């Protein structure tokens, strides 16, 4: 790194004393914000914008809406397909409808009557044959007609048994899987429709609005910048000799110009690498020029603003 890049950093630091004081001299730092950039899942026209720059919003509050016509058409289409798939599955799972069973029952009654008549005729012809009053060919024809009537009755009985049963297990399973697939498509289409209304993921303040009602926005392009209530942090630098005093969880006091009461902050990050490049030879003097970045999270409603300079102090209660 270039030495000139960090020349502005060193004057911000007060070199700490070597006494046993529990509270260190103030360190110059600044407030930084972690914005959330709100975008849409898919491109579209903004048809409603519910917030303006500077508005305070709550979690789940509507920020803006996109046109929904295409998503509604897609949802209607997949709903119709799901209804068809469900009807097909129910039909296979429950077997034939009652009217089909009734039709087969009527055919069976006709077949029973025809078989009875053929049986009577067969017996009569066989009796005549025994008396020598008819030819054997007539007997054979009567037997054939009886056998045909009997076979027709057996066939109708088989159709009735099959109609009263559900379809084969693999066919029913395939129909059920197709129905579940179409239902998943309905859920997906419903979700896409809901995403056309963009909600605030966290409570905070609208810092910037990039797109407004009547403008078209591309998928993934930020429509606005939101600053959550707890998204402010203080950044400052300390020399390596004082680095052991700062670790995650250490409590700090943050003071701003013109305000008597300090604000508490908690150290959340300590850089593992230096922010200042010393000479190649690490002499005792050069080690004093090493500085490390530290970040501390500010509480909600701290009253501070992004970019504001502050003074950082170690709280006395944090050390012996």
Protein backbone atom coordinates (compact mmCIF):
# COMPACT_ATOMS: atom_id res chain seq x y z
CA UNK A 1 0.00 0.00 0.00
CA UNK A 2 0.98 3.58 -0.57
CA UNK A 3 2.14 5.57 2.50
CA UNK A 4 0.32 8.63 1.19
CA UNK A 5 -3.00 6.78 1.25
CA UNK A 6 -2.90 6.61 5.05
CA UNK A 7 -1.35 10.00 5.86
CA UNK A 8 -4.88 11.27 6.65
CA UNK A 9 -5.47 8.42 9.10
CA UNK A 10 -2.58 9.01 11.50
CA UNK A 11 -3.53 12.56 12.59
CA UNK A 12 -6.88 11.17 13.76
CA UNK A 13 -5.17 9.11 16.47
CA UNK A 14 -4.14 10.27 19.91
CA UNK A 15 -1.25 8.12 21.02
CA UNK A 16 -2.26 6.47 24.27
CA UNK A 17 -0.30 7.03 27.48
CA UNK A 18 1.59 4.27 29.19
CA UNK A 19 -0.10 4.65 32.61
CA UNK A 20 -2.63 2.26 34.16
CA UNK A 21 -5.62 4.53 33.56
CA UNK A 22 -8.84 2.63 32.99
CA UNK A 23 -10.17 5.07 30.40
CA UNK A 24 -8.06 5.94 27.38
CA UNK A 25 -7.77 9.29 25.65
CA UNK A 26 -10.33 9.92 22.89
CA UNK A 27 -9.76 8.47 19.43
CA UNK A 28 -11.17 10.18 16.39
CA UNK A 29 -13.54 8.07 14.35
CA UNK A 30 -16.57 8.39 12.12
CA UNK A 31 -20.03 6.90 11.75
CA UNK A 32 -20.77 4.58 8.84
CA UNK A 33 -24.14 3.21 7.68
CA UNK A 34 -24.95 -0.23 6.30
CA UNK A 35 -27.76 0.43 3.85
CA UNK A 36 -30.14 -2.17 2.48
CA UNK A 37 -30.86 -1.72 -1.21
CA UNK A 38 -34.41 -2.85 -2.00
CA UNK A 39 -35.00 -4.31 -5.45
CA UNK A 40 -37.71 -6.31 -7.24
CA UNK A 41 -37.50 -10.00 -8.07
CA UNK A 42 -38.54 -9.39 -11.70
CA UNK A 43 -38.64 -6.37 -13.96
CA UNK A 44 -41.81 -4.33 -14.42
CA UNK A 45 -43.54 -0.98 -14.21
CA UNK A 46 -43.95 0.65 -10.82
CA UNK A 47 -47.70 1.25 -10.44
CA UNK A 48 -47.68 2.41 -6.82
CA UNK A 49 -45.02 3.94 -4.59
CA UNK A 50 -45.92 4.10 -0.90
CA UNK A 51 -42.88 5.86 0.57
CA UNK A 52 -40.75 8.94 0.01
CA UNK A 53 -37.24 9.87 0.95
CA UNK A 54 -36.98 10.35 4.71
CA UNK A 55 -40.02 8.22 5.61
CA UNK A 56 -39.76 5.87 8.57
CA UNK A 57 -41.10 2.38 7.81
CA UNK A 58 -41.84 -0.74 9.83
CA UNK A 59 -41.03 -4.35 8.98
CA UNK A 60 -43.54 -5.69 6.43
CA UNK A 61 -44.75 -2.26 5.32
CA UNK A 62 -45.47 -1.87 1.60
CA UNK A 63 -42.73 0.07 -0.18
CA UNK A 64 -43.86 -0.13 -3.82
CA UNK A 65 -45.86 -2.30 -6.23
CA UNK A 66 -45.23 -3.49 -9.77
CA UNK A 67 -47.78 -4.29 -12.50
CA UNK A 68 -49.32 -7.76 -11.99
CA UNK A 69 -51.29 -8.60 -15.17
CA UNK A 70 -48.89 -11.21 -16.54
CA UNK A 71 -48.51 -12.89 -13.14
CA UNK A 72 -52.31 -13.08 -12.75
CA UNK A 73 -52.66 -14.70 -16.20
CA UNK A 74 -49.97 -17.25 -15.31
CA UNK A 75 -51.70 -18.05 -12.02
CA UNK A 76 -55.08 -18.57 -13.69
CA UNK A 77 -53.52 -20.89 -16.27
CA UNK A 78 -51.77 -23.14 -13.77
CA UNK A 79 -54.90 -23.25 -11.60
CA UNK A 80 -56.89 -24.65 -14.54
CA UNK A 81 -54.20 -27.24 -15.22
CA UNK A 82 -54.20 -28.22 -11.56
CA UNK A 83 -58.00 -28.66 -11.62
CA UNK A 84 -57.72 -30.94 -14.67
CA UNK A 85 -54.95 -32.99 -13.08
CA UNK A 86 -56.94 -33.35 -9.86
CA UNK A 87 -60.05 -34.52 -11.71
CA UNK A 88 -58.02 -37.11 -13.62
CA UNK A 89 -56.44 -38.39 -10.42
CA UNK A 90 -59.79 -38.59 -8.59
CA UNK A 91 -61.30 -40.47 -11.53
CA UNK A 92 -58.54 -43.09 -11.54
CA UNK A 93 -58.48 -43.42 -7.76
CA UNK A 94 -62.23 -43.96 -7.29
CA UNK A 95 -63.01 -46.16 -10.32
CA UNK A 96 -65.98 -45.85 -12.70
CA UNK A 97 -68.79 -43.39 -12.10
CA UNK A 98 -72.20 -44.66 -10.85
CA UNK A 99 -73.91 -44.18 -14.24
CA UNK A 100 -71.32 -46.46 -15.86
CA UNK A 101 -71.97 -49.11 -13.22
CA UNK A 102 -75.73 -48.81 -13.82
CA UNK A 103 -75.28 -49.28 -17.56
CA UNK A 104 -73.25 -52.44 -17.02
CA UNK A 105 -75.84 -53.76 -14.57
CA UNK A 106 -78.56 -53.33 -17.24
CA UNK A 107 -76.44 -55.19 -19.78
CA UNK A 108 -75.92 -58.00 -17.28
CA UNK A 109 -79.69 -58.42 -16.80
CA UNK A 110 -80.07 -58.76 -20.58
CA UNK A 111 -77.22 -61.27 -20.68
CA UNK A 112 -78.75 -63.34 -17.86
CA UNK A 113 -82.09 -63.46 -19.70
CA UNK A 114 -80.39 -64.42 -22.96
CA UNK A 115 -78.39 -67.17 -21.24
CA UNK A 116 -81.54 -68.56 -19.59
CA UNK A 117 -83.35 -68.62 -22.91
CA UNK A 118 -80.40 -70.30 -24.63
CA UNK A 119 -80.26 -72.90 -21.86
CA UNK A 120 -83.96 -73.71 -22.22
CA UNK A 121 -83.59 -74.01 -26.00
CA UNK A 122 -80.55 -76.24 -25.66
CA UNK A 123 -82.35 -78.61 -23.30
CA UNK A 124 -85.37 -78.77 -25.64
CA UNK A 125 -83.23 -79.59 -28.68
CA UNK A 126 -81.27 -82.24 -26.77
CA UNK A 127 -84.56 -83.85 -25.72
CA UNK A 128 -85.76 -83.92 -29.33
CA UNK A 129 -82.47 -85.44 -30.40
CA UNK A 130 -82.84 -88.28 -27.94
CA UNK A 131 -86.24 -89.06 -29.53
CA UNK A 132 -84.74 -88.88 -33.02
CA UNK A 133 -86.85 -85.92 -33.99
CA UNK A 134 -84.02 -83.55 -34.92
CA UNK A 135 -80.56 -83.66 -36.44
CA UNK A 136 -77.30 -83.49 -34.46
CA UNK A 137 -76.40 -80.25 -36.25
CA UNK A 138 -79.38 -78.57 -34.61
CA UNK A 139 -78.19 -79.77 -31.21
CA UNK A 140 -74.67 -78.45 -31.84
CA UNK A 141 -76.04 -75.04 -32.84
CA UNK A 142 -78.14 -74.80 -29.67
CA UNK A 143 -75.13 -75.71 -27.51
CA UNK A 144 -73.00 -73.10 -29.30
CA UNK A 145 -75.62 -70.39 -28.76
CA UNK A 146 -75.84 -71.29 -25.05
CA UNK A 147 -72.05 -71.18 -24.66
CA UNK A 148 -71.96 -67.76 -26.39
CA UNK A 149 -74.64 -66.36 -24.05
CA UNK A 150 -72.78 -67.79 -21.04
CA UNK A 151 -69.49 -66.22 -22.19
CA UNK A 152 -71.17 -62.84 -22.75
CA UNK A 153 -72.49 -62.93 -19.18
CA UNK A 154 -69.02 -63.76 -17.83
CA UNK A 155 -67.57 -60.85 -19.83
CA UNK A 156 -70.07 -58.35 -18.42
CA UNK A 157 -69.42 -59.61 -14.87
CA UNK A 158 -65.70 -59.01 -15.42
CA UNK A 159 -66.39 -55.47 -16.67
CA UNK A 160 -68.46 -54.73 -13.58
CA UNK A 161 -65.73 -56.00 -11.25
CA UNK A 162 -63.13 -53.90 -13.06
CA UNK A 163 -65.31 -50.78 -13.05
CA UNK A 164 -65.83 -51.03 -9.31
CA UNK A 165 -62.09 -51.19 -8.71
CA UNK A 166 -59.68 -48.25 -8.89
CA UNK A 167 -57.18 -48.12 -11.72
CA UNK A 168 -53.86 -49.87 -11.52
CA UNK A 169 -51.61 -48.64 -8.72
CA UNK A 170 -48.90 -47.27 -11.01
CA UNK A 171 -51.44 -45.29 -13.06
CA UNK A 172 -52.92 -43.77 -9.91
CA UNK A 173 -49.44 -42.91 -8.59
CA UNK A 174 -48.54 -41.21 -11.87
CA UNK A 175 -51.76 -39.19 -11.82
CA UNK A 176 -51.16 -38.17 -8.20
CA UNK A 177 -47.61 -37.04 -9.01
CA UNK A 178 -48.89 -34.99 -11.95
CA UNK A 179 -51.50 -33.37 -9.70
CA UNK A 180 -48.89 -32.50 -7.06
CA UNK A 181 -46.67 -30.99 -9.76
CA UNK A 182 -49.44 -28.73 -11.01
CA UNK A 183 -50.27 -27.73 -7.42
CA UNK A 184 -46.62 -26.78 -6.89
CA UNK A 185 -46.83 -24.67 -10.05
CA UNK A 186 -49.86 -22.92 -8.55
CA UNK A 187 -47.95 -22.17 -5.36
CA UNK A 188 -45.01 -20.85 -7.37
CA UNK A 189 -47.22 -18.63 -9.50
CA UNK A 190 -48.99 -17.33 -6.39
CA UNK A 191 -45.62 -16.54 -4.80
CA UNK A 192 -44.45 -14.68 -7.92
CA UNK A 193 -47.65 -12.64 -7.88
CA UNK A 194 -47.11 -11.74 -4.22
CA UNK A 195 -43.53 -10.64 -4.96
CA UNK A 196 -44.89 -7.85 -7.15
CA UNK A 197 -45.70 -6.09 -3.88
CA UNK A 198 -42.35 -5.25 -2.27
CA UNK A 199 -42.31 -5.05 1.53
CA UNK A 200 -39.78 -3.58 3.95
CA UNK A 201 -37.55 -6.43 5.24
CA UNK A 202 -36.61 -4.42 8.33
CA UNK A 203 -37.72 -1.32 10.18
CA UNK A 204 -35.77 1.81 9.29
CA UNK A 205 -35.62 5.04 7.35
CA UNK A 206 -35.86 5.50 3.57
CA UNK A 207 -32.64 7.30 2.68
CA UNK A 208 -32.91 7.42 -1.10
CA UNK A 209 -35.56 6.65 -3.74
CA UNK A 210 -34.15 5.75 -7.16
CA UNK A 211 -37.33 4.78 -9.06
CA UNK A 212 -40.83 6.19 -8.73
CA UNK A 213 -44.38 5.46 -9.94
CA UNK A 214 -44.59 5.23 -13.72
CA UNK A 215 -40.97 4.18 -14.20
CA UNK A 216 -39.78 0.75 -15.29
CA UNK A 217 -37.30 -1.12 -13.11
CA UNK A 218 -35.13 -4.07 -14.05
CA UNK A 219 -34.86 -7.19 -11.91
CA UNK A 220 -32.23 -6.71 -9.23
CA UNK A 221 -31.92 -2.96 -9.70
CA UNK A 222 -32.28 -1.06 -6.40
CA UNK A 223 -35.49 0.93 -6.21
CA UNK A 224 -34.61 2.56 -2.90
CA UNK A 225 -32.03 2.55 -0.11
CA UNK A 226 -33.21 1.70 3.39
CA UNK A 227 -31.22 2.41 6.55
CA UNK A 228 -32.30 -0.06 9.28
CA UNK A 229 -32.59 1.27 12.80
CA UNK A 230 -29.63 -0.77 14.01
CA UNK A 231 -27.39 -0.41 10.95
CA UNK A 232 -25.02 2.34 12.17
CA UNK A 233 -21.48 1.60 13.29
CA UNK A 234 -18.40 3.56 14.33
CA UNK A 235 -15.09 3.00 12.54
CA UNK A 236 -11.77 4.06 14.03
CA UNK A 237 -8.11 3.05 14.12
CA UNK A 238 -5.80 2.16 17.00
CA UNK A 239 -2.01 1.55 17.08
CA UNK A 240 -0.83 -2.01 17.52
CA UNK A 241 0.41 -1.32 21.05
CA UNK A 242 -3.18 -0.71 22.21
CA UNK A 243 -4.79 -3.43 20.10
CA UNK A 244 -5.04 -5.96 23.01
CA UNK A 245 -7.45 -3.60 24.80
CA UNK A 246 -9.99 -3.96 21.99
CA UNK A 247 -11.80 -7.19 21.30
CA UNK A 248 -15.30 -8.21 20.28
CA UNK A 249 -17.79 -7.30 22.99
CA UNK A 250 -15.78 -4.46 24.56
CA UNK A 251 -18.02 -1.51 25.47
CA UNK A 252 -17.17 1.98 24.18
CA UNK A 253 -18.43 5.49 24.81
CA UNK A 254 -19.07 7.57 21.70
CA UNK A 255 -19.17 11.34 22.02
CA UNK A 256 -20.33 13.79 19.38
CA UNK A 257 -19.84 17.53 19.20
CA UNK A 258 -22.47 19.57 21.00
CA UNK A 259 -23.96 16.64 22.92
CA UNK A 260 -22.99 16.06 26.54
CA UNK A 261 -24.26 12.51 26.99
CA UNK A 262 -22.17 9.84 25.24
CA UNK A 263 -23.66 6.91 23.34
CA UNK A 264 -22.65 3.34 24.13
CA UNK A 265 -21.30 1.08 21.37
CA UNK A 266 -20.04 -2.50 21.25
CA UNK A 267 -16.93 -3.62 19.40
CA UNK A 268 -17.96 -6.13 16.72
CA UNK A 269 -14.92 -6.30 14.46
CA UNK A 270 -11.14 -6.01 14.84
CA UNK A 271 -9.09 -6.12 11.66
CA UNK A 272 -6.55 -8.90 11.43
CA UNK A 273 -4.28 -6.90 9.13
CA UNK A 274 -2.76 -3.46 9.41
CA UNK A 275 -4.24 -0.44 7.67
CA UNK A 276 -0.82 1.22 7.43
CA UNK A 277 2.21 -0.25 5.68
CA UNK A 278 5.52 0.21 7.60
CA UNK A 279 9.03 -0.08 6.18
CA UNK A 280 10.31 -3.54 5.40
CA UNK A 281 12.42 -3.62 8.59
CA UNK A 282 10.18 -3.74 11.65
CA UNK A 283 12.06 -1.63 14.13
CA UNK A 284 10.58 -0.53 17.46
CA UNK A 285 9.82 2.89 15.99
CA UNK A 286 8.13 1.51 12.91
CA UNK A 287 5.91 -0.81 14.96
CA UNK A 288 4.36 2.27 16.58
CA UNK A 289 3.10 3.32 13.14
CA UNK A 290 0.98 0.21 12.65
CA UNK A 291 -2.75 0.88 12.98
CA UNK A 292 -5.70 -1.51 12.91
CA UNK A 293 -9.29 -0.86 11.89
CA UNK A 294 -11.96 -1.46 14.55
CA UNK A 295 -15.73 -1.32 14.13
CA UNK A 296 -18.31 -0.92 16.90
CA UNK A 297 -22.07 -1.36 16.53
CA UNK A 298 -24.29 1.52 17.64
CA UNK A 299 -27.68 0.91 19.25
CA UNK A 300 -30.98 1.89 17.63
CA UNK A 301 -32.01 5.53 18.05
CA UNK A 302 -28.43 6.59 18.82
CA UNK A 303 -29.05 10.01 17.31
CA UNK A 304 -25.91 9.79 15.18
CA UNK A 305 -25.73 10.12 11.41
CA UNK A 306 -23.69 8.49 8.68
CA UNK A 307 -20.43 10.34 8.01
CA UNK A 308 -20.50 12.18 11.33
CA UNK A 309 -17.12 12.51 13.13
CA UNK A 310 -17.04 11.28 16.73
CA UNK A 311 -14.63 10.64 19.59
CA UNK A 312 -14.25 7.10 20.89
CA UNK A 313 -13.45 6.22 24.52
CA UNK A 314 -12.99 2.94 26.30
CA UNK A 315 -15.55 2.70 29.08
CA UNK A 316 -13.96 2.65 32.54
CA UNK A 317 -16.02 -0.35 33.63
CA UNK A 318 -14.51 -2.48 30.89
CA UNK A 319 -11.01 -2.58 32.52
CA UNK A 320 -9.48 -2.77 35.95
